Protein backbone atom coordinates (compact mmCIF):
# COMPACT_ATOMS: atom_id res chain seq x y z
CA UNK A 1 16.61 43.60 -37.29
CA UNK A 2 17.41 44.60 -40.75
CA UNK A 3 20.86 45.37 -41.90
CA UNK A 4 20.41 49.21 -41.80
CA UNK A 5 18.68 49.00 -38.18
CA UNK A 6 21.63 47.05 -37.05
CA UNK A 7 23.98 49.64 -38.59
CA UNK A 8 22.19 52.42 -36.75
CA UNK A 9 22.12 50.34 -33.38
CA UNK A 10 25.76 49.68 -33.50
CA UNK A 11 27.17 52.76 -34.97
CA UNK A 12 30.29 53.64 -33.18
CA UNK A 13 29.80 50.82 -30.74
CA UNK A 14 33.53 50.39 -29.94
CA UNK A 15 34.14 54.08 -29.52
CA UNK A 16 31.01 54.68 -27.34
CA UNK A 17 31.35 51.62 -25.26
CA UNK A 18 34.91 52.45 -24.50
CA UNK A 19 33.97 56.06 -23.68
CA UNK A 20 31.72 54.78 -20.97
CA UNK A 21 34.32 52.35 -19.68
CA UNK A 22 36.93 54.96 -19.70
CA UNK A 23 34.62 57.31 -17.75
CA UNK A 24 34.01 54.70 -15.14
CA UNK A 25 37.64 53.66 -14.60
CA UNK A 26 39.91 56.65 -14.78
CA UNK A 27 41.79 56.75 -11.66
CA UNK A 28 42.73 60.36 -11.36
CA UNK A 29 41.42 63.32 -9.34
CA UNK A 30 37.49 63.69 -9.66
CA UNK A 31 37.58 62.10 -13.21
CA UNK A 32 35.93 59.00 -11.65
CA UNK A 33 33.38 58.62 -8.88
CA UNK A 34 34.39 54.96 -9.09
CA UNK A 35 37.64 55.34 -7.24
CA UNK A 36 35.86 57.18 -4.51
CA UNK A 37 32.95 54.59 -4.55
CA UNK A 38 35.30 51.51 -3.86
CA UNK A 39 37.59 53.30 -1.22
CA UNK A 40 36.83 53.13 2.53
CA UNK A 41 36.38 56.31 4.48
CA UNK A 42 39.64 57.10 6.26
CA UNK A 43 39.48 55.85 9.78
CA UNK A 44 42.17 56.92 12.20
CA UNK A 45 42.88 57.91 15.88
CA UNK A 46 40.70 60.96 15.42
CA UNK A 47 37.59 58.75 15.02
CA UNK A 48 35.73 57.05 17.84
CA UNK A 49 36.27 53.32 17.52
CA UNK A 50 33.04 51.51 18.60
CA UNK A 51 34.41 48.27 19.60
CA UNK A 52 30.97 47.11 20.97
CA UNK A 53 29.62 47.33 17.51
CA UNK A 54 32.57 46.08 15.40
CA UNK A 55 32.40 43.07 17.69
CA UNK A 56 28.78 42.57 16.90
CA UNK A 57 29.53 42.68 13.24
CA UNK A 58 32.26 40.10 13.65
CA UNK A 59 30.00 37.77 15.57
CA UNK A 60 27.45 37.82 12.61
CA UNK A 61 29.72 37.49 9.66
CA UNK A 62 29.10 33.93 8.82
CA UNK A 63 25.50 35.02 7.80
CA UNK A 64 25.03 36.06 4.23
CA UNK A 65 23.42 39.40 5.13
CA UNK A 66 24.18 42.01 7.93
CA UNK A 67 22.04 45.07 7.72
CA UNK A 68 22.64 48.47 9.55
CA UNK A 69 19.47 50.40 9.18
CA UNK A 70 18.72 53.93 10.94
CA UNK A 71 17.93 57.41 9.96
CA UNK A 72 20.60 59.82 8.87
CA UNK A 73 23.20 60.86 11.37
CA UNK A 74 23.72 57.73 13.39
CA UNK A 75 27.01 56.75 12.21
CA UNK A 76 26.23 53.98 9.72
CA UNK A 77 28.98 54.84 7.20
CA UNK A 78 31.55 55.51 9.86
CA UNK A 79 30.73 52.02 11.53
CA UNK A 80 31.57 50.36 8.18
CA UNK A 81 34.80 52.19 8.00
CA UNK A 82 35.63 51.42 11.78
CA UNK A 83 34.88 47.71 10.85
CA UNK A 84 36.97 47.76 7.77
CA UNK A 85 39.84 49.22 9.75
CA UNK A 86 39.57 46.60 12.67
CA UNK A 87 39.02 43.46 10.82
CA UNK A 88 41.26 40.67 9.26
CA UNK A 89 38.62 39.89 6.50
CA UNK A 90 39.23 41.34 3.09
CA UNK A 91 36.60 44.00 2.62
CA UNK A 92 35.26 45.22 -0.72
CA UNK A 93 33.65 48.70 -0.57
CA UNK A 94 30.71 49.83 -2.62
CA UNK A 95 29.49 53.40 -1.77
CA UNK A 96 26.30 53.86 -3.82
CA UNK A 97 24.84 56.98 -5.25
CA UNK A 98 21.42 57.33 -7.14
CA UNK A 99 23.18 56.61 -10.42
CA UNK A 100 23.68 53.10 -9.33
CA UNK A 101 20.02 52.43 -9.83
CA UNK A 102 21.35 51.38 -13.17
CA UNK A 103 22.25 47.69 -12.77
CA UNK A 104 25.11 47.86 -15.16
CA UNK A 105 26.63 50.81 -13.47
CA UNK A 106 26.33 48.92 -10.06
CA UNK A 107 27.88 45.83 -11.57
CA UNK A 108 30.87 48.09 -12.94
CA UNK A 109 31.42 49.52 -9.36
CA UNK A 110 31.18 45.88 -7.74
CA UNK A 111 33.61 44.51 -10.25
CA UNK A 112 36.03 47.50 -9.80
CA UNK A 113 35.86 46.88 -5.94
CA UNK A 114 36.55 43.14 -6.24
CA UNK A 115 39.39 43.78 -8.67
CA UNK A 116 41.00 46.28 -6.38
CA UNK A 117 41.08 43.85 -3.49
CA UNK A 118 41.88 40.74 -5.56
CA UNK A 119 44.27 41.73 -8.44
CA UNK A 120 43.87 38.16 -10.06
CA UNK A 121 40.35 39.33 -10.96
CA UNK A 122 41.46 42.11 -13.10
CA UNK A 123 39.20 42.19 -16.36
CA UNK A 124 36.63 39.90 -14.72
CA UNK A 125 33.75 39.44 -15.31
CA UNK A 126 33.66 40.71 -18.81
CA UNK A 127 31.07 43.32 -18.43
CA UNK A 128 31.16 44.24 -22.18
CA UNK A 129 30.05 40.75 -23.11
CA UNK A 130 27.37 40.97 -20.38
CA UNK A 131 26.03 44.39 -21.27
CA UNK A 132 22.72 42.99 -22.62
CA UNK A 133 22.28 40.43 -20.02
CA UNK A 134 19.21 40.28 -17.64
CA UNK A 135 20.05 41.11 -13.94
CA UNK A 136 19.95 37.48 -12.96
CA UNK A 137 22.55 36.44 -15.33
CA UNK A 138 24.62 39.32 -14.51
CA UNK A 139 24.48 38.44 -10.77
CA UNK A 140 25.38 34.75 -11.67
CA UNK A 141 28.40 35.92 -13.56
CA UNK A 142 29.63 37.48 -10.21
CA UNK A 143 28.78 34.42 -8.35
CA UNK A 144 30.54 32.06 -10.47
CA UNK A 145 33.58 34.40 -10.56
CA UNK A 146 33.87 34.49 -6.62
CA UNK A 147 33.01 30.68 -6.46
CA UNK A 148 35.94 29.68 -8.61
CA UNK A 149 38.61 32.49 -8.08
CA UNK A 150 38.21 33.46 -4.37
CA UNK A 151 38.67 30.91 -1.62
CA UNK A 152 38.86 33.01 1.50
CA UNK A 153 35.86 34.57 3.46
CA UNK A 154 35.08 38.01 2.06
CA UNK A 155 32.94 40.99 3.13
CA UNK A 156 31.21 43.19 0.57
CA UNK A 157 30.30 46.36 2.39
CA UNK A 158 27.52 48.38 0.69
CA UNK A 159 26.77 51.89 1.89
CA UNK A 160 23.71 54.08 1.21
CA UNK A 161 21.61 51.04 0.02
CA UNK A 162 18.38 53.11 0.37
CA UNK A 163 19.46 55.07 -2.82
CA UNK A 164 18.97 51.99 -4.99
CA UNK A 165 15.70 50.64 -3.51
CA UNK A 166 13.75 52.16 -6.33
CA UNK A 167 15.38 50.11 -9.03
CA UNK A 168 13.69 46.69 -9.80
CA UNK A 169 16.48 45.67 -11.85
CA UNK A 170 19.19 46.29 -9.14
CA UNK A 171 17.12 44.65 -6.44
CA UNK A 172 16.68 41.66 -8.78
CA UNK A 173 20.47 41.55 -9.22
CA UNK A 174 21.21 41.75 -5.52
CA UNK A 175 18.62 39.20 -4.67
CA UNK A 176 19.96 36.69 -7.12
CA UNK A 177 23.57 37.33 -5.92
CA UNK A 178 22.53 37.01 -2.34
CA UNK A 179 20.52 33.71 -2.75
CA UNK A 180 23.11 32.09 -4.86
CA UNK A 181 26.56 33.42 -3.62
CA UNK A 182 28.82 30.80 -1.86
CA UNK A 183 28.77 30.63 1.84
CA UNK A 184 32.15 32.48 2.23
CA UNK A 185 30.60 35.69 1.04
CA UNK A 186 28.86 38.10 3.49
CA UNK A 187 27.13 41.39 2.51
CA UNK A 188 27.37 44.18 5.10
CA UNK A 189 24.71 46.69 4.09
CA UNK A 190 24.00 50.04 5.55
CA UNK A 191 21.20 52.59 4.73
CA UNK A 192 18.27 54.50 5.88
CA UNK A 193 15.75 51.80 5.07
CA UNK A 194 15.91 48.10 4.43
CA UNK A 195 16.65 46.79 0.87
CA UNK A 196 13.66 45.34 -0.87
CA UNK A 197 15.20 41.87 -1.12
CA UNK A 198 13.74 38.55 -0.19
CA UNK A 199 14.35 38.93 3.42
CA UNK A 200 11.89 36.55 4.78
CA UNK A 201 13.71 33.57 3.24
CA UNK A 202 16.97 34.73 4.62
CA UNK A 203 15.56 35.22 8.11
CA UNK A 204 14.09 31.84 8.21
CA UNK A 205 17.26 30.31 7.03
CA UNK A 206 19.20 32.30 9.67
CA UNK A 207 21.19 33.97 6.98
CA UNK A 208 20.36 37.53 8.05
CA UNK A 209 20.68 39.72 11.05
CA UNK A 210 20.71 43.41 11.74
CA UNK A 211 22.19 46.28 13.78
CA UNK A 212 19.36 48.49 14.92
CA UNK A 213 19.11 52.22 15.59
CA UNK A 214 19.03 51.22 19.47
CA UNK A 215 22.39 49.41 18.91
CA UNK A 216 23.80 52.46 16.85
CA UNK A 217 22.83 55.05 19.77
CA UNK A 218 25.85 56.05 21.69
CA UNK A 219 26.04 54.55 25.17
CA UNK A 220 26.74 56.88 28.16
CA UNK A 221 30.42 55.78 28.07
CA UNK A 222 30.68 56.22 24.42
CA UNK A 223 29.03 59.60 24.54
CA UNK A 224 31.52 60.75 27.25
CA UNK A 225 34.55 59.58 25.11
CA UNK A 226 33.01 60.90 21.97
CA UNK A 227 32.45 64.47 23.33
CA UNK A 228 35.79 64.56 24.89
CA UNK A 229 37.52 63.29 21.72
CA UNK A 230 36.03 65.99 19.67
CA UNK A 231 36.02 68.93 22.14
CA UNK A 232 38.97 68.26 24.50
CA UNK A 233 36.42 69.03 27.21
CA UNK A 234 35.80 66.47 30.09
CA UNK A 235 32.16 66.45 30.92
CA UNK A 236 30.59 66.47 34.26
CA UNK A 237 28.26 63.65 35.04
CA UNK A 238 25.21 66.18 34.93
CA UNK A 239 26.31 67.26 31.46
CA UNK A 240 26.71 63.62 30.22
CA UNK A 241 23.30 62.76 31.48
CA UNK A 242 21.57 65.98 30.02
CA UNK A 243 23.19 65.41 26.66
CA UNK A 244 22.25 61.80 26.57
CA UNK A 245 18.64 62.74 27.43
CA UNK A 246 18.66 65.55 24.70
CA UNK A 247 20.25 63.42 21.95
CA UNK A 248 19.16 59.98 22.77
CA UNK A 249 22.64 58.92 21.61
CA UNK A 250 21.97 60.49 18.17
CA UNK A 251 25.61 60.99 16.95
CA UNK A 252 25.09 63.82 14.70
CA UNK A 253 23.50 65.75 17.81
CA UNK A 254 26.32 64.87 19.81
CA UNK A 255 28.90 65.79 17.30
CA UNK A 256 27.12 69.17 16.77
CA UNK A 257 27.22 69.85 20.39
CA UNK A 258 30.77 68.84 20.69
CA UNK A 259 31.88 71.31 18.07
CA UNK A 260 29.99 73.97 19.79
CA UNK A 261 31.72 73.16 23.09
CA UNK A 262 34.96 74.39 21.57
CA UNK A 263 33.74 77.94 21.81
CA UNK A 264 33.97 78.82 25.60
CA UNK A 265 31.10 81.21 25.20
CA UNK A 266 28.63 78.39 24.38
CA UNK A 267 27.19 76.32 27.06
CA UNK A 268 26.85 72.55 26.34
CA UNK A 269 23.33 72.24 27.40
CA UNK A 270 20.78 75.03 27.33
CA UNK A 271 17.11 74.75 28.06
CA UNK A 272 16.12 76.78 24.97
CA UNK A 273 18.41 74.92 22.58
CA UNK A 274 16.36 72.41 20.25
CA UNK A 275 17.94 69.29 19.32
CA UNK A 276 17.16 69.90 15.63
CA UNK A 277 19.92 69.29 13.06
CA UNK A 278 19.24 72.35 10.97
CA UNK A 279 19.44 74.61 14.09
CA UNK A 280 22.69 73.19 15.56
CA UNK A 281 24.22 73.12 12.00
CA UNK A 282 23.43 76.82 11.51
CA UNK A 283 25.09 77.67 14.83
CA UNK A 284 28.15 75.56 13.85
CA UNK A 285 28.32 77.33 10.45
CA UNK A 286 28.00 80.75 11.72
CA UNK A 287 30.81 80.20 14.17
CA UNK A 288 33.11 79.85 11.36
CA UNK A 289 35.15 82.89 9.92
CA UNK A 290 33.58 84.43 6.89
CA UNK A 291 36.08 82.93 4.46
CA UNK A 292 35.63 79.36 5.71
CA UNK A 293 31.77 79.63 5.85
CA UNK A 294 31.79 80.87 2.26
CA UNK A 295 34.04 77.98 1.08
CA UNK A 296 31.85 75.46 3.03
CA UNK A 297 28.72 76.77 1.29
CA UNK A 298 30.21 77.10 -2.25
CA UNK A 299 31.90 73.59 -2.26
CA UNK A 300 28.72 71.90 -1.10
CA UNK A 301 27.52 71.88 -4.76
CA UNK A 302 29.88 69.07 -5.57
CA UNK A 303 28.98 65.73 -4.48
CA UNK A 304 32.62 64.54 -4.17
CA UNK A 305 35.27 66.95 -3.68
CA UNK A 306 38.83 67.21 -4.68
CA UNK A 307 41.24 69.87 -4.64
CA UNK A 308 41.30 70.23 -8.42
CA UNK A 309 37.47 70.19 -8.54
CA UNK A 310 36.92 72.65 -5.89
CA UNK A 311 39.78 75.05 -7.33
CA UNK A 312 38.14 75.04 -10.88
CA UNK A 313 34.51 75.08 -9.92
CA UNK A 314 34.85 77.83 -7.14
CA UNK A 315 37.56 79.51 -9.34
CA UNK A 316 40.21 79.64 -6.59
CA UNK A 317 43.79 78.23 -5.90
CA UNK A 318 43.57 77.42 -2.09
CA UNK A 319 41.10 74.67 -1.75
CA UNK A 320 43.57 72.31 -0.34
CA UNK A 321 44.09 74.60 2.82
CA UNK A 322 40.24 74.55 3.49
CA UNK A 323 39.53 70.95 2.85
CA UNK A 324 42.51 70.01 5.16
CA UNK A 325 41.11 72.46 7.94
CA UNK A 326 37.72 70.98 7.49
CA UNK A 327 38.81 67.34 8.10
CA UNK A 328 41.09 68.41 10.92
CA UNK A 329 38.42 70.21 12.75
CA UNK A 330 36.02 67.45 12.32
CA UNK A 331 33.36 69.77 10.69
CA UNK A 332 31.29 66.84 9.06
CA UNK A 333 34.03 66.17 6.25
CA UNK A 334 35.22 62.76 5.59
CA UNK A 335 38.08 61.93 3.31
CA UNK A 336 39.77 58.92 1.81
CA UNK A 337 43.42 57.85 1.74
CA UNK A 338 43.52 58.03 -2.02
CA UNK A 339 45.88 60.03 -4.19
CA UNK A 340 44.67 62.46 -4.92
CA UNK A 341 42.42 62.58 -1.84
CA UNK A 342 38.64 62.80 -2.24
CA UNK A 343 36.40 64.49 0.28
CA UNK A 344 32.71 64.58 1.03
CA UNK A 345 30.30 66.28 3.38
CA UNK A 346 27.90 64.25 5.75
CA UNK A 347 24.75 63.95 3.54
CA UNK A 348 22.63 65.78 6.23
CA UNK A 349 25.29 68.54 6.33
CA UNK A 350 25.42 68.91 2.59
CA UNK A 351 21.64 69.14 2.38
CA UNK A 352 21.60 71.76 4.93
CA UNK A 353 24.43 73.74 3.17
CA UNK A 354 22.82 73.88 -0.27
CA UNK A 355 19.44 74.83 1.28
CA UNK A 356 21.21 77.65 3.23
CA UNK A 357 23.03 78.79 0.05
CA UNK A 358 19.79 78.73 -1.80
CA UNK A 359 18.13 80.86 0.65
CA UNK A 360 20.95 83.29 0.89
CA UNK A 361 21.96 83.61 -2.81
CA UNK A 362 20.03 81.46 -5.26
CA UNK A 363 21.62 83.12 -8.22
CA UNK A 364 25.14 82.14 -6.98
CA UNK A 365 23.98 78.46 -6.25
CA UNK A 366 22.71 78.21 -9.85
CA UNK A 367 25.95 79.57 -11.26
CA UNK A 368 27.92 77.18 -9.13
CA UNK A 369 25.84 74.24 -10.28
CA UNK A 370 26.36 75.19 -13.88
CA UNK A 371 30.10 75.12 -13.31
CA UNK A 372 30.01 72.03 -11.46
CA UNK A 373 27.93 70.37 -14.29
CA UNK A 374 30.61 71.40 -16.88
CA UNK A 375 33.47 70.19 -14.69
CA UNK A 376 31.66 66.87 -13.98
CA UNK A 377 30.72 66.23 -17.69
CA UNK A 378 34.32 66.74 -18.86
CA UNK A 379 35.61 64.43 -15.99
CA UNK A 380 33.64 61.20 -16.78
CA UNK A 381 30.61 61.82 -14.58
CA UNK A 382 27.74 62.43 -17.16
CA UNK A 383 24.94 61.28 -14.71
CA UNK A 384 25.83 63.75 -12.09
CA UNK A 385 26.41 66.28 -14.61
CA UNK A 386 23.01 66.08 -16.07
CA UNK A 387 21.46 66.17 -12.74
CA UNK A 388 23.45 69.24 -11.79
CA UNK A 389 22.40 71.03 -15.01
CA UNK A 390 18.79 70.18 -14.16
CA UNK A 391 19.05 71.44 -10.55
CA UNK A 392 20.55 74.59 -11.95
CA UNK A 393 17.52 75.30 -14.29
CA UNK A 394 19.74 74.58 -17.30
CA UNK A 395 17.37 72.34 -18.90
CA UNK A 396 18.53 72.68 -22.61
CA UNK A 397 22.18 72.10 -21.39
CA UNK A 398 20.99 68.79 -19.56
CA UNK A 399 19.16 67.64 -22.73
CA UNK A 400 22.14 68.25 -24.89
CA UNK A 401 24.29 66.25 -22.60
CA UNK A 402 21.67 63.52 -22.59
CA UNK A 403 21.81 63.51 -26.36
CA UNK A 404 25.60 63.32 -26.32
CA UNK A 405 25.66 60.30 -24.11
CA UNK A 406 22.54 58.28 -25.13
CA UNK A 407 24.19 55.96 -27.67
CA UNK A 408 27.02 55.26 -25.48
CA UNK A 409 24.74 54.30 -22.49
CA UNK A 410 22.69 52.21 -24.84
CA UNK A 411 25.73 50.28 -26.20
CA UNK A 412 26.99 49.73 -22.60
CA UNK A 413 23.70 48.27 -21.47
CA UNK A 414 22.87 51.13 -19.24
CA UNK A 415 19.07 50.97 -19.92
CA UNK A 416 18.05 52.23 -16.41
CA UNK A 417 20.17 55.28 -16.79
CA UNK A 418 18.36 56.14 -20.20
CA UNK A 419 14.90 55.46 -18.43
CA UNK A 420 15.85 57.82 -15.56
CA UNK A 421 17.15 60.53 -17.99
CA UNK A 422 13.75 59.97 -19.95
CA UNK A 423 11.77 60.59 -16.95
CA UNK A 424 13.77 63.88 -15.85
CA UNK A 425 13.69 65.15 -19.44
CA UNK A 426 9.88 64.61 -19.60
CA UNK A 427 9.41 66.28 -16.21
CA UNK A 428 11.12 69.39 -17.48
CA UNK A 429 9.28 69.27 -20.97
CA UNK A 430 12.62 69.16 -22.78
CA UNK A 431 13.41 67.62 -26.03
CA UNK A 432 15.78 64.66 -26.40
CA UNK A 433 14.67 62.53 -29.49
CA UNK A 434 18.05 60.73 -29.73
CA UNK A 435 17.57 59.55 -25.99
CA UNK A 436 14.06 58.41 -26.84
CA UNK A 437 15.20 56.60 -30.03
CA UNK A 438 17.91 54.60 -28.16
CA UNK A 439 15.63 53.67 -25.48
CA UNK A 440 12.97 52.67 -27.90
CA UNK A 441 15.62 50.51 -29.65
CA UNK A 442 16.53 49.00 -26.25
CA UNK A 443 12.90 48.17 -25.46
CA UNK A 444 12.31 46.68 -28.71
CA UNK A 445 15.47 44.58 -28.52
CA UNK A 446 14.16 43.11 -25.22
CA UNK A 447 10.63 42.51 -26.71
CA UNK A 448 8.92 45.36 -24.61
CA UNK A 449 6.99 46.47 -27.70
CA UNK A 450 4.33 48.53 -25.86
CA UNK A 451 7.06 50.57 -24.18
CA UNK A 452 9.00 50.71 -27.51
CA UNK A 453 6.09 52.06 -29.41
CA UNK A 454 5.26 54.64 -26.75
CA UNK A 455 8.76 55.92 -26.43
CA UNK A 456 9.09 55.94 -30.23
CA UNK A 457 5.90 58.10 -30.48
CA UNK A 458 7.66 60.58 -28.11
CA UNK A 459 10.69 60.78 -30.45
CA UNK A 460 8.61 61.46 -33.37
CA UNK A 461 6.77 64.24 -31.74
CA UNK A 462 10.16 65.84 -30.70
CA UNK A 463 11.65 65.23 -34.20
CA UNK A 464 8.54 66.97 -35.83
CA UNK A 465 9.37 70.21 -33.83
CA UNK A 466 12.97 70.51 -34.61
CA UNK A 467 15.02 69.95 -37.69
CA UNK A 468 16.20 66.40 -37.35
CA UNK A 469 19.21 64.96 -39.40
CA UNK A 470 18.80 62.41 -42.00
CA UNK A 471 20.61 59.83 -39.77
CA UNK A 472 18.02 60.48 -36.95
CA UNK A 473 15.21 60.05 -39.23
CA UNK A 474 16.52 56.84 -40.62
CA UNK A 475 17.07 55.53 -36.96
CA UNK A 476 13.51 56.60 -36.25
CA UNK A 477 12.18 54.49 -39.28
CA UNK A 478 14.25 51.50 -38.69
CA UNK A 479 13.09 51.23 -34.93
CA UNK A 480 9.51 51.59 -36.34
CA UNK A 481 10.25 48.77 -38.74
CA UNK A 482 11.77 46.63 -36.17
CA UNK A 483 8.81 46.80 -33.88
CA UNK A 484 6.44 46.01 -36.76
CA UNK A 485 8.68 43.10 -37.66
CA UNK A 486 8.54 41.65 -34.14
CA UNK A 487 4.72 42.19 -34.09
CA UNK A 488 4.61 39.99 -37.25
CA UNK A 489 3.02 42.86 -39.45
């Protein structure tokens, strides 16, 4: 790389790298998804303790990998919280989102979780120094850190692992970590599908086991306790049998039925009632008072809620009252014990809510999403903000945000994020030449010259349409020169 190219590639490096680090480590309100991501769901006496399953996990902890795999609504996340609340093992939480398909972002979340539980690890590993490392080297840095600095047995709980399955880099990172981690480390992984790891070797070596959908289904005794706990109604044997037959122990179905039971006008079991989530959820939603119903629908645009976030995005000043009510009533809302507290709807319920709002008032949903995107972009969550703008149909705003953060992501080694943004921008036929230039630079640096040339070609096409700055054109020419140099032209 010549001197001028190097200058473009590293321009503002400290500022931009630090901006990414700051955006992923602030610990106030919704300014960071990280604080929420490394904090267990609050588990208290209002939750059903599933001793049978917690004991099963404890019996398997010496193994490297324990997987909890089942469709949505079977209580996987709450089981992780239940285990965390009833174990003496130190548990480090990693709650995943689609943004964690970027291996450096996932590494940042894992590092933050380890540092939260073991204060002696503060500042370790040095992710800035590792920002351009391949996934294998990144994983080995964590292995070495744990091997040399943590003596006791630990459990790393990873929730929603299905969200990162599409990322080859992340799977390589996790696979290397699993295979080389010391024996006192166990991964407790939950999701809707198995992670695409080298499972066969783990099974052969006796290092992997799982909790199945059959295990997660409520037993007859658990169902009776669960329904009574959430509805304060003692069920007759015939009702228990019928509900068990209807739900097959599906927790979300039981919970929805338990909520319905609070209304004396609603029978627990009805011949005509389908055991379909959307139907049951719509009945539960329609039971709420109009103001509560509107709050639930509007607030569903936010992936993670805080009082501040809801107040600003929904333009109100009473969100605390509604969020407290939702948790207290068990309306598919979980919270953490953070200060300030964070809240989130069950994924199935949130999906239902946004679909409902879209059908009832699409214009309002788009407006709320734009407001949410502005809030997220100013509170350290550019990935969520970009996606929110795209869902709102605000393509140009999404592209502008991508352009703003592209250099910082490049310098932080967040190449998968740049790739995802590139795909999303291409899908919408938007223009983001800066993104393409930094992605082409990253490909060239790694020796992926074919990909670099193709991405640079897209950048030039975008630049020809607009009025590019001199700096941007110099960057484009320098990347072109870098590729030619590496090809020996």
